[in-house]
PDB file of N, CA and C in Angstrom:
ATOM      1  N   MET A   1       1.413 -19.804   4.481  1.00  0.00           N
ATOM      2  CA  MET A   1       2.754 -19.766   3.625  1.00  0.00           C
ATOM      3  C   MET A   1       3.948 -19.804   4.451  1.00  0.00           C
ATOM      4  N   ASP A   2       4.811 -20.671   4.188  1.00  0.00           N
ATOM      5  CA  ASP A   2       5.984 -20.778   5.125  1.00  0.00           C
ATOM      6  C   ASP A   2       6.985 -19.504   4.754  1.00  0.00           C
ATOM      7  N   PRO A   3       7.780 -19.023   5.595  1.00  0.00           N
ATOM      8  CA  PRO A   3       8.594 -17.865   5.428  1.00  0.00           C
ATOM      9  C   PRO A   3       9.525 -18.072   4.240  1.00  0.00           C
ATOM     10  N   SER A   4      10.134 -18.974   3.945  1.00  0.00           N
ATOM     11  CA  SER A   4      11.055 -19.248   2.762  1.00  0.00           C
ATOM     12  C   SER A   4      10.219 -19.087   1.559  1.00  0.00           C
ATOM     13  N   GLN A   5       9.035 -19.430   1.468  1.00  0.00           N
ATOM     14  CA  GLN A   5       8.110 -19.310   0.219  1.00  0.00           C
ATOM     15  C   GLN A   5       7.686 -17.840  -0.010  1.00  0.00           C
ATOM     16  N   LEU A   6       7.450 -17.282   1.252  1.00  0.00           N
ATOM     17  CA  LEU A   6       7.223 -15.938   1.177  1.00  0.00           C
ATOM     18  C   LEU A   6       8.546 -15.067   0.632  1.00  0.00           C
ATOM     19  N   TYR A   7       9.589 -15.448   1.218  1.00  0.00           N
ATOM     20  CA  TYR A   7      10.779 -14.480   0.816  1.00  0.00           C
ATOM     21  C   TYR A   7      11.004 -14.842  -0.779  1.00  0.00           C
ATOM     22  N   LYS A   8      10.903 -15.997  -1.121  1.00  0.00           N
ATOM     23  CA  LYS A   8      11.076 -16.231  -2.450  1.00  0.00           C
ATOM     24  C   LYS A   8      10.020 -15.608  -3.371  1.00  0.00           C
ATOM     25  N   LYS A   9       8.758 -15.455  -3.178  1.00  0.00           N
ATOM     26  CA  LYS A   9       7.742 -14.656  -3.807  1.00  0.00           C
ATOM     27  C   LYS A   9       8.081 -12.933  -3.764  1.00  0.00           C
ATOM     28  N   ALA A  10       8.656 -12.669  -2.565  1.00  0.00           N
ATOM     29  CA  ALA A  10       8.994 -11.159  -2.525  1.00  0.00           C
ATOM     30  C   ALA A  10      10.197 -10.866  -3.511  1.00  0.00           C
ATOM     31  N   ARG A  11      11.244 -11.741  -3.515  1.00  0.00           N
ATOM     32  CA  ARG A  11      12.389 -11.579  -4.254  1.00  0.00           C
ATOM     33  C   ARG A  11      11.970 -11.749  -5.690  1.00  0.00           C
ATOM     34  N   ASP A  12      10.943 -12.464  -6.190  1.00  0.00           N
ATOM     35  CA  ASP A  12      10.464 -12.654  -7.548  1.00  0.00           C
ATOM     36  C   ASP A  12       9.703 -11.362  -7.849  1.00  0.00           C
ATOM     37  N   LEU A  13       8.941 -10.790  -6.807  1.00  0.00           N
ATOM     38  CA  LEU A  13       8.311  -9.588  -7.298  1.00  0.00           C
ATOM     39  C   LEU A  13       9.153  -8.411  -7.472  1.00  0.00           C
ATOM     40  N   ILE A  14      10.082  -8.353  -6.737  1.00  0.00           N
ATOM     41  CA  ILE A  14      11.129  -7.286  -6.979  1.00  0.00           C
ATOM     42  C   ILE A  14      11.849  -7.309  -8.309  1.00  0.00           C
ATOM     43  N   LYS A  15      12.289  -8.653  -8.691  1.00  0.00           N
ATOM     44  CA  LYS A  15      12.778  -8.891 -10.009  1.00  0.00           C
ATOM     45  C   LYS A  15      11.854  -8.393 -11.224  1.00  0.00           C
ATOM     46  N   LYS A  16      10.590  -8.688 -10.967  1.00  0.00           N
ATOM     47  CA  LYS A  16       9.382  -8.445 -11.976  1.00  0.00           C
ATOM     48  C   LYS A  16       9.344  -6.950 -12.013  1.00  0.00           C
ATOM     49  N   ASP A  17       9.110  -6.258 -10.834  1.00  0.00           N
ATOM     50  CA  ASP A  17       9.002  -4.734 -10.796  1.00  0.00           C
ATOM     51  C   ASP A  17       9.988  -4.028  -9.862  1.00  0.00           C
ATOM     52  N   ALA A  18      11.148  -3.849 -10.352  1.00  0.00           N
ATOM     53  CA  ALA A  18      12.153  -3.073  -9.718  1.00  0.00           C
ATOM     54  C   ALA A  18      11.853  -1.777  -9.283  1.00  0.00           C
ATOM     55  N   LYS A  19      10.721  -1.145  -9.783  1.00  0.00           N
ATOM     56  CA  LYS A  19      10.459   0.209  -9.464  1.00  0.00           C
ATOM     57  C   LYS A  19      10.026   0.543  -8.135  1.00  0.00           C
ATOM     58  N   TYR A  20       9.740  -0.536  -7.268  1.00  0.00           N
ATOM     59  CA  TYR A  20       9.386  -0.448  -5.993  1.00  0.00           C
ATOM     60  C   TYR A  20      10.404  -1.299  -5.224  1.00  0.00           C
ATOM     61  N   SER A  21      10.692  -0.794  -4.117  1.00  0.00           N
ATOM     62  CA  SER A  21      11.571  -1.701  -3.117  1.00  0.00           C
ATOM     63  C   SER A  21      10.528  -2.609  -2.323  1.00  0.00           C
ATOM     64  N   VAL A  22      11.504  -3.550  -1.750  1.00  0.00           N
ATOM     65  CA  VAL A  22      10.805  -4.533  -0.873  1.00  0.00           C
ATOM     66  C   VAL A  22       9.955  -4.086   0.077  1.00  0.00           C
ATOM     67  N   GLU A  23      10.405  -2.849   0.746  1.00  0.00           N
ATOM     68  CA  GLU A  23       9.758  -2.277   1.703  1.00  0.00           C
ATOM     69  C   GLU A  23       8.293  -1.673   1.375  1.00  0.00           C
ATOM     70  N   ALA A  24       8.122  -1.247  -0.022  1.00  0.00           N
ATOM     71  CA  ALA A  24       6.898  -0.896  -0.358  1.00  0.00           C
ATOM     72  C   ALA A  24       5.766  -1.939  -0.502  1.00  0.00           C
ATOM     73  N   TYR A  25       6.313  -3.265  -0.741  1.00  0.00           N
ATOM     74  CA  TYR A  25       5.390  -4.325  -0.844  1.00  0.00           C
ATOM     75  C   TYR A  25       5.050  -4.648   0.806  1.00  0.00           C
ATOM     76  N   ALA A  26       5.924  -4.630   1.575  1.00  0.00           N
ATOM     77  CA  ALA A  26       5.732  -4.909   3.003  1.00  0.00           C
ATOM     78  C   ALA A  26       4.613  -3.879   3.602  1.00  0.00           C
ATOM     79  N   PHE A  27       4.997  -2.697   3.180  1.00  0.00           N
ATOM     80  CA  PHE A  27       4.207  -1.628   3.701  1.00  0.00           C
ATOM     81  C   PHE A  27       2.699  -1.926   3.116  1.00  0.00           C
ATOM     82  N   ILE A  28       2.377  -2.170   2.033  1.00  0.00           N
ATOM     83  CA  ILE A  28       0.950  -2.532   1.369  1.00  0.00           C
ATOM     84  C   ILE A  28       0.314  -3.597   2.160  1.00  0.00           C
ATOM     85  N   LEU A  29       1.034  -4.779   2.476  1.00  0.00           N
ATOM     86  CA  LEU A  29       0.587  -5.940   3.062  1.00  0.00           C
ATOM     87  C   LEU A  29       0.262  -5.455   4.568  1.00  0.00           C
ATOM     88  N   ALA A  30       1.183  -4.907   5.353  1.00  0.00           N
ATOM     89  CA  ALA A  30       0.869  -4.318   6.650  1.00  0.00           C
ATOM     90  C   ALA A  30      -0.225  -3.345   6.747  1.00  0.00           C
ATOM     91  N   GLY A  31      -0.092  -2.371   5.792  1.00  0.00           N
ATOM     92  CA  GLY A  31      -1.219  -1.405   5.517  1.00  0.00           C
ATOM     93  C   GLY A  31      -2.625  -1.969   5.459  1.00  0.00           C
ATOM     94  N   LEU A  32      -2.737  -3.100   4.759  1.00  0.00           N
ATOM     95  CA  LEU A  32      -3.987  -3.951   4.431  1.00  0.00           C
ATOM     96  C   LEU A  32      -4.514  -4.199   5.851  1.00  0.00           C
ATOM     97  N   GLU A  33      -3.568  -4.925   6.619  1.00  0.00           N
ATOM     98  CA  GLU A  33      -3.969  -5.421   7.959  1.00  0.00           C
ATOM     99  C   GLU A  33      -4.505  -4.245   8.823  1.00  0.00           C
ATOM    100  N   PHE A  34      -3.802  -3.219   8.779  1.00  0.00           N
ATOM    101  CA  PHE A  34      -4.155  -2.007   9.488  1.00  0.00           C
ATOM    102  C   PHE A  34      -5.612  -1.468   9.336  1.00  0.00           C
ATOM    103  N   VAL A  35      -5.865  -1.544   7.611  1.00  0.00           N
ATOM    104  CA  VAL A  35      -7.175  -1.065   7.432  1.00  0.00           C
ATOM    105  C   VAL A  35      -8.205  -2.104   7.700  1.00  0.00           C
ATOM    106  N   MET A  36      -7.958  -3.511   7.725  1.00  0.00           N
ATOM    107  CA  MET A  36      -8.873  -4.466   8.018  1.00  0.00           C
ATOM    108  C   MET A  36      -9.317  -4.272   9.427  1.00  0.00           C
ATOM    109  N   LYS A  37      -8.263  -3.898  10.408  1.00  0.00           N
ATOM    110  CA  LYS A  37      -8.614  -4.027  11.901  1.00  0.00           C
ATOM    111  C   LYS A  37      -9.343  -2.603  12.244  1.00  0.00           C
ATOM    112  N   GLN A  38      -9.361  -1.776  11.376  1.00  0.00           N
ATOM    113  CA  GLN A  38     -10.212  -0.430  11.419  1.00  0.00           C
ATOM    114  C   GLN A  38     -11.641  -0.634  11.147  1.00  0.00           C
ATOM    115  N   LYS A  39     -11.901  -1.608  10.292  1.00  0.00           N
ATOM    116  CA  LYS A  39     -13.335  -1.803   9.915  1.00  0.00           C
ATOM    117  C   LYS A  39     -14.206  -2.414  11.012  1.00  0.00           C
ATOM    118  N   GLU A  40     -15.472  -1.914  11.176  1.00  0.00           N
ATOM    119  CA  GLU A  40     -16.204  -2.473  12.249  1.00  0.00           C
ATOM    120  C   GLU A  40     -16.689  -3.874  11.773  1.00  0.00           C
ATOM    121  N   LYS A  41     -16.855  -4.221  10.473  1.00  0.00           N
ATOM    122  CA  LYS A  41     -17.302  -5.667  10.102  1.00  0.00           C
ATOM    123  C   LYS A  41     -16.276  -6.002   9.056  1.00  0.00           C
ATOM    124  N   PRO A  42     -16.059  -7.178   9.099  1.00  0.00           N
ATOM    125  CA  PRO A  42     -15.087  -7.651   8.159  1.00  0.00           C
ATOM    126  C   PRO A  42     -15.730  -7.931   6.655  1.00  0.00           C
ATOM    127  N   GLY A  43     -14.979  -7.460   5.784  1.00  0.00           N
ATOM    128  CA  GLY A  43     -15.409  -7.522   4.257  1.00  0.00           C
ATOM    129  C   GLY A  43     -14.655  -6.916   3.395  1.00  0.00           C
ATOM    130  N   HIS A  44     -15.065  -6.738   2.304  1.00  0.00           N
ATOM    131  CA  HIS A  44     -14.183  -6.274   1.075  1.00  0.00           C
ATOM    132  C   HIS A  44     -13.751  -4.860   1.319  1.00  0.00           C
ATOM    133  N   ILE A  45     -12.518  -4.709   1.027  1.00  0.00           N
ATOM    134  CA  ILE A  45     -12.069  -3.287   0.932  1.00  0.00           C
ATOM    135  C   ILE A  45     -11.804  -2.745  -0.338  1.00  0.00           C
ATOM    136  N   THR A  46     -12.333  -1.539  -0.857  1.00  0.00           N
ATOM    137  CA  THR A  46     -12.326  -1.139  -2.123  1.00  0.00           C
ATOM    138  C   THR A  46     -10.889  -0.466  -2.337  1.00  0.00           C
ATOM    139  N   GLY A  47     -10.459  -0.221  -3.570  1.00  0.00           N
ATOM    140  CA  GLY A  47      -9.172   0.349  -3.809  1.00  0.00           C
ATOM    141  C   GLY A  47      -9.136   1.840  -3.259  1.00  0.00           C
ATOM    142  N   GLN A  48     -10.396   2.716  -3.113  1.00  0.00           N
ATOM    143  CA  GLN A  48     -10.189   3.972  -2.502  1.00  0.00           C
ATOM    144  C   GLN A  48     -10.067   3.757  -1.017  1.00  0.00           C
ATOM    145  N   GLU A  49     -10.837   2.806  -0.556  1.00  0.00           N
ATOM    146  CA  GLU A  49     -10.790   2.672   1.018  1.00  0.00           C
ATOM    147  C   GLU A  49      -9.285   2.254   1.435  1.00  0.00           C
ATOM    148  N   LEU A  50      -8.752   1.402   0.590  1.00  0.00           N
ATOM    149  CA  LEU A  50      -7.184   1.026   0.959  1.00  0.00           C
ATOM    150  C   LEU A  50      -6.313   2.229   0.714  1.00  0.00           C
ATOM    151  N   CYS A  51      -6.620   3.004  -0.121  1.00  0.00           N
ATOM    152  CA  CYS A  51      -5.838   4.287  -0.479  1.00  0.00           C
ATOM    153  C   CYS A  51      -5.933   5.180   0.804  1.00  0.00           C
ATOM    154  N   GLN A  52      -7.169   5.457   1.196  1.00  0.00           N
ATOM    155  CA  GLN A  52      -7.409   6.240   2.441  1.00  0.00           C
ATOM    156  C   GLN A  52      -6.587   5.529   3.750  1.00  0.00           C
ATOM    157  N   GLY A  53      -6.827   4.322   3.868  1.00  0.00           N
ATOM    158  CA  GLY A  53      -6.308   3.566   5.003  1.00  0.00           C
ATOM    159  C   GLY A  53      -4.618   3.540   4.963  1.00  0.00           C
ATOM    160  N   LEU A  54      -4.172   3.467   3.724  1.00  0.00           N
ATOM    161  CA  LEU A  54      -2.725   3.469   3.592  1.00  0.00           C
ATOM    162  C   LEU A  54      -2.251   4.911   3.924  1.00  0.00           C
ATOM    163  N   ARG A  55      -2.695   5.965   3.545  1.00  0.00           N
ATOM    164  CA  ARG A  55      -2.531   7.207   3.990  1.00  0.00           C
ATOM    165  C   ARG A  55      -2.462   7.314   5.556  1.00  0.00           C
ATOM    166  N   ASP A  56      -3.511   6.799   6.173  1.00  0.00           N
ATOM    167  CA  ASP A  56      -3.579   6.811   7.638  1.00  0.00           C
ATOM    168  C   ASP A  56      -2.516   6.090   8.262  1.00  0.00           C
ATOM    169  N   TYR A  57      -2.134   4.965   7.690  1.00  0.00           N
ATOM    170  CA  TYR A  57      -1.166   4.120   8.193  1.00  0.00           C
ATOM    171  C   TYR A  57       0.227   4.668   8.066  1.00  0.00           C
ATOM    172  N   ALA A  58       0.543   5.266   6.768  1.00  0.00           N
ATOM    173  CA  ALA A  58       1.775   5.823   6.590  1.00  0.00           C
ATOM    174  C   ALA A  58       1.976   7.018   7.587  1.00  0.00           C
ATOM    175  N   ILE A  59       1.069   7.809   7.926  1.00  0.00           N
ATOM    176  CA  ILE A  59       1.139   8.959   8.934  1.00  0.00           C
ATOM    177  C   ILE A  59       1.242   8.341  10.324  1.00  0.00           C
ATOM    178  N   ASP A  60       0.694   7.298  10.684  1.00  0.00           N
ATOM    179  CA  ASP A  60       0.708   6.649  11.853  1.00  0.00           C
ATOM    180  C   ASP A  60       2.257   6.125  12.124  1.00  0.00           C
ATOM    181  N   GLN A  61       2.659   5.622  10.945  1.00  0.00           N
ATOM    182  CA  GLN A  61       4.003   4.805  11.056  1.00  0.00           C
ATOM    183  C   GLN A  61       5.207   5.983  11.027  1.00  0.00           C
ATOM    184  N   TYR A  62       5.048   6.829  10.192  1.00  0.00           N
ATOM    185  CA  TYR A  62       6.198   7.645   9.721  1.00  0.00           C
ATOM    186  C   TYR A  62       5.925   9.261  10.124  1.00  0.00           C
ATOM    187  N   GLY A  63       4.874   9.556  10.587  1.00  0.00           N
ATOM    188  CA  GLY A  63       4.437  10.938  10.877  1.00  0.00           C
ATOM    189  C   GLY A  63       4.758  11.920   9.728  1.00  0.00           C
ATOM    190  N   PRO A  64       5.365  13.066   9.915  1.00  0.00           N
ATOM    191  CA  PRO A  64       5.664  14.013   8.948  1.00  0.00           C
ATOM    192  C   PRO A  64       6.740  13.575   7.882  1.00  0.00           C
ATOM    193  N   MET A  65       7.283  12.478   8.019  1.00  0.00           N
ATOM    194  CA  MET A  65       8.245  11.883   7.086  1.00  0.00           C
ATOM    195  C   MET A  65       7.483  10.774   6.094  1.00  0.00           C
ATOM    196  N   ALA A  66       6.141  10.618   6.103  1.00  0.00           N
ATOM    197  CA  ALA A  66       5.346   9.626   5.499  1.00  0.00           C
ATOM    198  C   ALA A  66       5.649   9.786   3.879  1.00  0.00           C
ATOM    199  N   LYS A  67       5.495  10.987   3.335  1.00  0.00           N
ATOM    200  CA  LYS A  67       5.635  11.191   2.066  1.00  0.00           C
ATOM    201  C   LYS A  67       6.987  10.779   1.379  1.00  0.00           C
ATOM    202  N   THR A  68       8.107  11.301   2.282  1.00  0.00           N
ATOM    203  CA  THR A  68       9.375  11.036   1.884  1.00  0.00           C
ATOM    204  C   THR A  68       9.776   9.670   1.912  1.00  0.00           C
ATOM    205  N   VAL A  69       9.164   8.789   2.948  1.00  0.00           N
ATOM    206  CA  VAL A  69       9.555   7.397   3.111  1.00  0.00           C
ATOM    207  C   VAL A  69       9.129   6.788   1.850  1.00  0.00           C
ATOM    208  N   LEU A  70       7.700   7.058   1.621  1.00  0.00           N
ATOM    209  CA  LEU A  70       7.016   6.301   0.382  1.00  0.00           C
ATOM    210  C   LEU A  70       7.900   6.609  -0.888  1.00  0.00           C
ATOM    211  N   ALA A  71       8.160   7.909  -1.070  1.00  0.00           N
ATOM    212  CA  ALA A  71       8.965   8.350  -2.162  1.00  0.00           C
ATOM    213  C   ALA A  71      10.208   7.549  -2.420  1.00  0.00           C
ATOM    214  N   HIS A  72      10.863   7.291  -1.316  1.00  0.00           N
ATOM    215  CA  HIS A  72      12.242   6.532  -1.091  1.00  0.00           C
ATOM    216  C   HIS A  72      11.979   5.083  -1.697  1.00  0.00           C
ATOM    217  N   TRP A  73      10.740   4.632  -1.422  1.00  0.00           N
ATOM    218  CA  TRP A  73      10.464   3.364  -1.809  1.00  0.00           C
ATOM    219  C   TRP A  73       9.978   3.047  -3.342  1.00  0.00           C
ATOM    220  N   GLY A  74       9.728   4.355  -3.945  1.00  0.00           N
ATOM    221  CA  GLY A  74       9.308   4.372  -5.293  1.00  0.00           C
ATOM    222  C   GLY A  74       7.882   4.757  -5.360  1.00  0.00           C
ATOM    223  N   VAL A  75       7.142   4.945  -4.276  1.00  0.00           N
ATOM    224  CA  VAL A  75       5.674   5.143  -4.093  1.00  0.00           C
ATOM    225  C   VAL A  75       5.408   6.717  -4.226  1.00  0.00           C
ATOM    226  N   LYS A  76       4.818   7.200  -5.235  1.00  0.00           N
ATOM    227  CA  LYS A  76       4.682   8.656  -5.192  1.00  0.00           C
ATOM    228  C   LYS A  76       3.174   9.205  -5.540  1.00  0.00           C
ATOM    229  N   ALA A  77       2.252   8.117  -5.751  1.00  0.00           N
ATOM    230  CA  ALA A  77       1.108   8.495  -6.039  1.00  0.00           C
ATOM    231  C   ALA A  77       0.139   7.284  -5.643  1.00  0.00           C
ATOM    232  N   THR A  78      -1.111   7.633  -5.593  1.00  0.00           N
ATOM    233  CA  THR A  78      -2.012   6.351  -5.259  1.00  0.00           C
ATOM    234  C   THR A  78      -2.146   5.282  -6.437  1.00  0.00           C
ATOM    235  N   ASN A  79      -1.666   5.861  -7.542  1.00  0.00           N
ATOM    236  CA  ASN A  79      -1.597   4.675  -8.696  1.00  0.00           C
ATOM    237  C   ASN A  79      -0.456   3.723  -8.402  1.00  0.00           C
ATOM    238  N   ASP A  80       0.506   4.054  -7.763  1.00  0.00           N
ATOM    239  CA  ASP A  80       1.556   3.231  -7.373  1.00  0.00           C
ATOM    240  C   ASP A  80       0.935   2.201  -6.341  1.00  0.00           C
ATOM    241  N   PHE A  81       0.239   2.662  -5.243  1.00  0.00           N
ATOM    242  CA  PHE A  81      -0.440   1.629  -4.512  1.00  0.00           C
ATOM    243  C   PHE A  81      -1.076   0.602  -5.379  1.00  0.00           C
ATOM    244  N   GLY A  82      -1.888   0.988  -6.342  1.00  0.00           N
ATOM    245  CA  GLY A  82      -2.799  -0.043  -7.119  1.00  0.00           C
ATOM    246  C   GLY A  82      -1.744  -1.005  -7.924  1.00  0.00           C
ATOM    247  N   GLN A  83      -0.675  -0.289  -8.555  1.00  0.00           N
ATOM    248  CA  GLN A  83       0.293  -1.307  -9.143  1.00  0.00           C
ATOM    249  C   GLN A  83       0.827  -2.313  -8.366  1.00  0.00           C
ATOM    250  N   ILE A  84       1.262  -1.834  -7.032  1.00  0.00           N
ATOM    251  CA  ILE A  84       1.780  -2.908  -6.100  1.00  0.00           C
ATOM    252  C   ILE A  84       0.679  -3.867  -5.674  1.00  0.00           C
ATOM    253  N   VAL A  85      -0.517  -3.243  -5.359  1.00  0.00           N
ATOM    254  CA  VAL A  85      -1.474  -4.354  -5.093  1.00  0.00           C
ATOM    255  C   VAL A  85      -1.848  -5.330  -6.149  1.00  0.00           C
ATOM    256  N   PHE A  86      -1.859  -5.046  -7.397  1.00  0.00           N
ATOM    257  CA  PHE A  86      -2.143  -5.994  -8.420  1.00  0.00           C
ATOM    258  C   PHE A  86      -0.912  -6.783  -8.768  1.00  0.00           C
ATOM    259  N   THR A  87       0.236  -6.499  -8.391  1.00  0.00           N
ATOM    260  CA  THR A  87       1.444  -7.296  -8.463  1.00  0.00           C
ATOM    261  C   THR A  87       1.342  -8.456  -7.437  1.00  0.00           C
ATOM    262  N   LEU A  88       0.965  -8.009  -6.100  1.00  0.00           N
ATOM    263  CA  LEU A  88       0.684  -8.960  -5.079  1.00  0.00           C
ATOM    264  C   LEU A  88      -0.330  -9.879  -5.327  1.00  0.00           C
ATOM    265  N   VAL A  89      -1.504  -9.437  -5.907  1.00  0.00           N
ATOM    266  CA  VAL A  89      -2.713 -10.425  -6.378  1.00  0.00           C
ATOM    267  C   VAL A  89      -1.919 -11.298  -7.350  1.00  0.00           C
ATOM    268  N   ASP A  90      -1.291 -10.816  -8.471  1.00  0.00           N
ATOM    269  CA  ASP A  90      -0.708 -11.672  -9.496  1.00  0.00           C
ATOM    270  C   ASP A  90       0.033 -12.895  -8.808  1.00  0.00           C
ATOM    271  N   ALA A  91       0.848 -12.355  -7.728  1.00  0.00           N
ATOM    272  CA  ALA A  91       1.631 -13.260  -7.044  1.00  0.00           C
ATOM    273  C   ALA A  91       1.073 -14.327  -5.997  1.00  0.00           C
ATOM    274  N   GLY A  92      -0.260 -14.102  -5.811  1.00  0.00           N
ATOM    275  CA  GLY A  92      -1.107 -14.842  -4.953  1.00  0.00           C
ATOM    276  C   GLY A  92      -0.786 -14.476  -3.472  1.00  0.00           C
ATOM    277  N   LEU A  93      -0.508 -13.172  -3.225  1.00  0.00           N
ATOM    278  CA  LEU A  93      -0.346 -12.778  -1.928  1.00  0.00           C
ATOM    279  C   LEU A  93      -1.314 -11.928  -1.496  1.00  0.00           C
ATOM    280  N   MET A  94      -2.322 -11.515  -2.348  1.00  0.00           N
ATOM    281  CA  MET A  94      -3.533 -10.706  -2.065  1.00  0.00           C
ATOM    282  C   MET A  94      -4.698 -11.199  -2.933  1.00  0.00           C
ATOM    283  N   ARG A  95      -5.872 -11.035  -2.566  1.00  0.00           N
ATOM    284  CA  ARG A  95      -6.862 -11.372  -3.222  1.00  0.00           C
ATOM    285  C   ARG A  95      -7.807 -10.324  -3.945  1.00  0.00           C
ATOM    286  N   LYS A  96      -8.487 -10.384  -4.863  1.00  0.00           N
ATOM    287  CA  LYS A  96      -9.418  -9.376  -5.280  1.00  0.00           C
ATOM    288  C   LYS A  96     -10.727  -9.946  -5.819  1.00  0.00           C
ATOM    289  N   GLN A  97     -11.688  -9.121  -5.872  1.00  0.00           N
ATOM    290  CA  GLN A  97     -12.905  -9.506  -6.374  1.00  0.00           C
ATOM    291  C   GLN A  97     -13.189  -9.270  -7.929  1.00  0.00           C
ATOM    292  N   GLU A  98     -14.040  -9.893  -8.597  1.00  0.00           N
ATOM    293  CA  GLU A  98     -14.205  -9.595  -9.925  1.00  0.00           C
ATOM    294  C   GLU A  98     -14.283  -8.143 -10.454  1.00  0.00           C
ATOM    295  N   THR A  99     -14.893  -7.407  -9.621  1.00  0.00           N
ATOM    296  CA  THR A  99     -15.184  -5.937  -9.987  1.00  0.00           C
ATOM    297  C   THR A  99     -13.815  -5.015  -9.630  1.00  0.00           C
ATOM    298  N   ASP A 100     -12.976  -5.609  -8.998  1.00  0.00           N
ATOM    299  CA  ASP A 100     -11.672  -4.802  -8.655  1.00  0.00           C
ATOM    300  C   ASP A 100     -10.812  -4.587  -9.796  1.00  0.00           C
ATOM    301  N   ASN A 101     -10.263  -3.341  -9.892  1.00  0.00           N
ATOM    302  CA  ASN A 101      -9.266  -3.042 -11.043  1.00  0.00           C
ATOM    303  C   ASN A 101      -8.247  -2.044 -10.681  1.00  0.00           C
ATOM    304  N   GLN A 102      -7.268  -2.005 -11.421  1.00  0.00           N
ATOM    305  CA  GLN A 102      -6.243  -1.105 -10.986  1.00  0.00           C
ATOM    306  C   GLN A 102      -6.579   0.285 -11.052  1.00  0.00           C
ATOM    307  N   GLU A 103      -7.523   0.632 -11.930  1.00  0.00           N
ATOM    308  CA  GLU A 103      -7.918   1.981 -12.180  1.00  0.00           C
ATOM    309  C   GLU A 103      -8.726   2.415 -10.924  1.00  0.00           C
ATOM    310  N   ASP A 104      -9.112   1.456  -9.825  1.00  0.00           N
ATOM    311  CA  ASP A 104      -9.698   1.979  -8.553  1.00  0.00           C
ATOM    312  C   ASP A 104      -8.742   2.831  -7.751  1.00  0.00           C
ATOM    313  N   PHE A 105      -7.462   2.755  -8.087  1.00  0.00           N
ATOM    314  CA  PHE A 105      -6.503   3.477  -7.501  1.00  0.00           C
ATOM    315  C   PHE A 105      -5.954   4.637  -8.014  1.00  0.00           C
ATOM    316  N   ALA A 106      -6.430   4.952  -9.206  1.00  0.00           N
ATOM    317  CA  ALA A 106      -6.129   6.060  -9.885  1.00  0.00           C
ATOM    318  C   ALA A 106      -6.370   7.365  -9.411  1.00  0.00           C
ATOM    319  N   ASN A 107      -5.516   8.264  -8.829  1.00  0.00           N
ATOM    320  CA  ASN A 107      -5.678   9.734  -8.581  1.00  0.00           C
ATOM    321  C   ASN A 107      -6.707   9.678  -7.432  1.00  0.00           C
ATOM    322  N   VAL A 108      -6.574   8.757  -6.532  1.00  0.00           N
ATOM    323  CA  VAL A 108      -7.639   8.851  -5.332  1.00  0.00           C
ATOM    324  C   VAL A 108      -7.359  10.360  -4.523  1.00  0.00           C
ATOM    325  N   TYR A 109      -6.173  10.725  -4.405  1.00  0.00           N
ATOM    326  CA  TYR A 109      -5.704  11.828  -3.784  1.00  0.00           C
ATOM    327  C   TYR A 109      -4.343  12.113  -4.057  1.00  0.00           C
ATOM    328  N   SER A 110      -3.889  13.476  -4.102  1.00  0.00           N
ATOM    329  CA  SER A 110      -2.673  13.979  -4.241  1.00  0.00           C
ATOM    330  C   SER A 110      -1.892  13.808  -3.095  1.00  0.00           C
ATOM    331  N   PHE A 111      -0.597  13.158  -3.301  1.00  0.00           N
ATOM    332  CA  PHE A 111       0.323  12.946  -2.144  1.00  0.00           C
ATOM    333  C   PHE A 111       0.540  14.150  -1.548  1.00  0.00           C
ATOM    334  N   ASP A 112       0.743  15.219  -2.184  1.00  0.00           N
ATOM    335  CA  ASP A 112       1.007  16.568  -1.705  1.00  0.00           C
ATOM    336  C   ASP A 112      -0.014  17.043  -0.846  1.00  0.00           C
ATOM    337  N   ASP A 113      -1.329  16.974  -1.066  1.00  0.00           N
ATOM    338  CA  ASP A 113      -2.210  17.472  -0.132  1.00  0.00           C
ATOM    339  C   ASP A 113      -2.518  16.292   0.988  1.00  0.00           C
ATOM    340  N   ALA A 114      -2.486  15.099   0.535  1.00  0.00           N
ATOM    341  CA  ALA A 114      -2.712  14.018   1.645  1.00  0.00           C
ATOM    342  C   ALA A 114      -1.624  13.865   2.716  1.00  0.00           C
ATOM    343  N   PHE A 115      -0.414  14.310   2.452  1.00  0.00           N
ATOM    344  CA  PHE A 115       0.550  14.160   3.474  1.00  0.00           C
ATOM    345  C   PHE A 115       1.264  15.594   3.899  1.00  0.00           C
ATOM    346  N   SER A 116       0.285  16.506   3.622  1.00  0.00           N
ATOM    347  CA  SER A 116       0.738  17.919   4.169  1.00  0.00           C
ATOM    348  C   SER A 116      -0.150  18.196   5.457  1.00  0.00           C
ATOM    349  N   VAL A 117       0.259  17.459   6.348  1.00  0.00           N
ATOM    350  CA  VAL A 117      -0.531  17.421   7.728  1.00  0.00           C
ATOM    351  C   VAL A 117       0.420  18.330   8.680  1.00  0.00           C
ATOM    352  N   SER A 118      -0.523  19.281   9.471  1.00  0.00           N
ATOM    353  CA  SER A 118       0.357  19.995  10.443  1.00  0.00           C
ATOM    354  C   SER A 118       0.599  19.045  11.783  1.00  0.00           C
ATOM    355  N   TYR A 119       1.633  19.098  12.222  1.00  0.00           N
ATOM    356  CA  TYR A 119       2.102  18.355  13.482  1.00  0.00           C
ATOM    357  C   TYR A 119       2.502  19.363  14.556  1.00  0.00           C
ATOM    358  N   ASP A 120       2.177  19.171  15.703  1.00  0.00           N
ATOM    359  CA  ASP A 120       2.542  19.842  16.999  1.00  0.00           C
ATOM    360  C   ASP A 120       3.775  19.149  17.516  1.00  0.00           C
ATOM    361  N   LEU A 121       5.005  19.672  17.453  1.00  0.00           N
ATOM    362  CA  LEU A 121       6.056  18.916  17.752  1.00  0.00           C
ATOM    363  C   LEU A 121       6.556  19.394  19.279  1.00  0.00           C
ATOM    364  N   ASN A 122       5.660  20.143  19.996  1.00  0.00           N
ATOM    365  CA  ASN A 122       5.903  20.565  21.204  1.00  0.00           C
ATOM    366  C   ASN A 122       5.460  19.359  22.435  1.00  0.00           C
TER     367      ASN A 122
END
């Protein structure tokens, strides 16, 4: 897809669901790539696997600020990951299998628990 088409789709997504910022959509797409690179064999990624990978990606990118950054974008729970993913699917920017559904992302983990990681700042 050429960049101008991608930009238009992203703009349309935000108009459709202003609950999340454009950065949240970009994070999900980049996070999916991160998760795919972590897999030993290419293949389908479940909602739960994507949630775990997005947690790891957020911590990798934003460290102790991960939860705060995600919240700034409107993302406060794994359910939000699912909503964004299925908006991207509807826009043709991601694919799903027949068995995939938004409930796969429901309450996979608590953001309070998942992002309360100790960091050695020394």
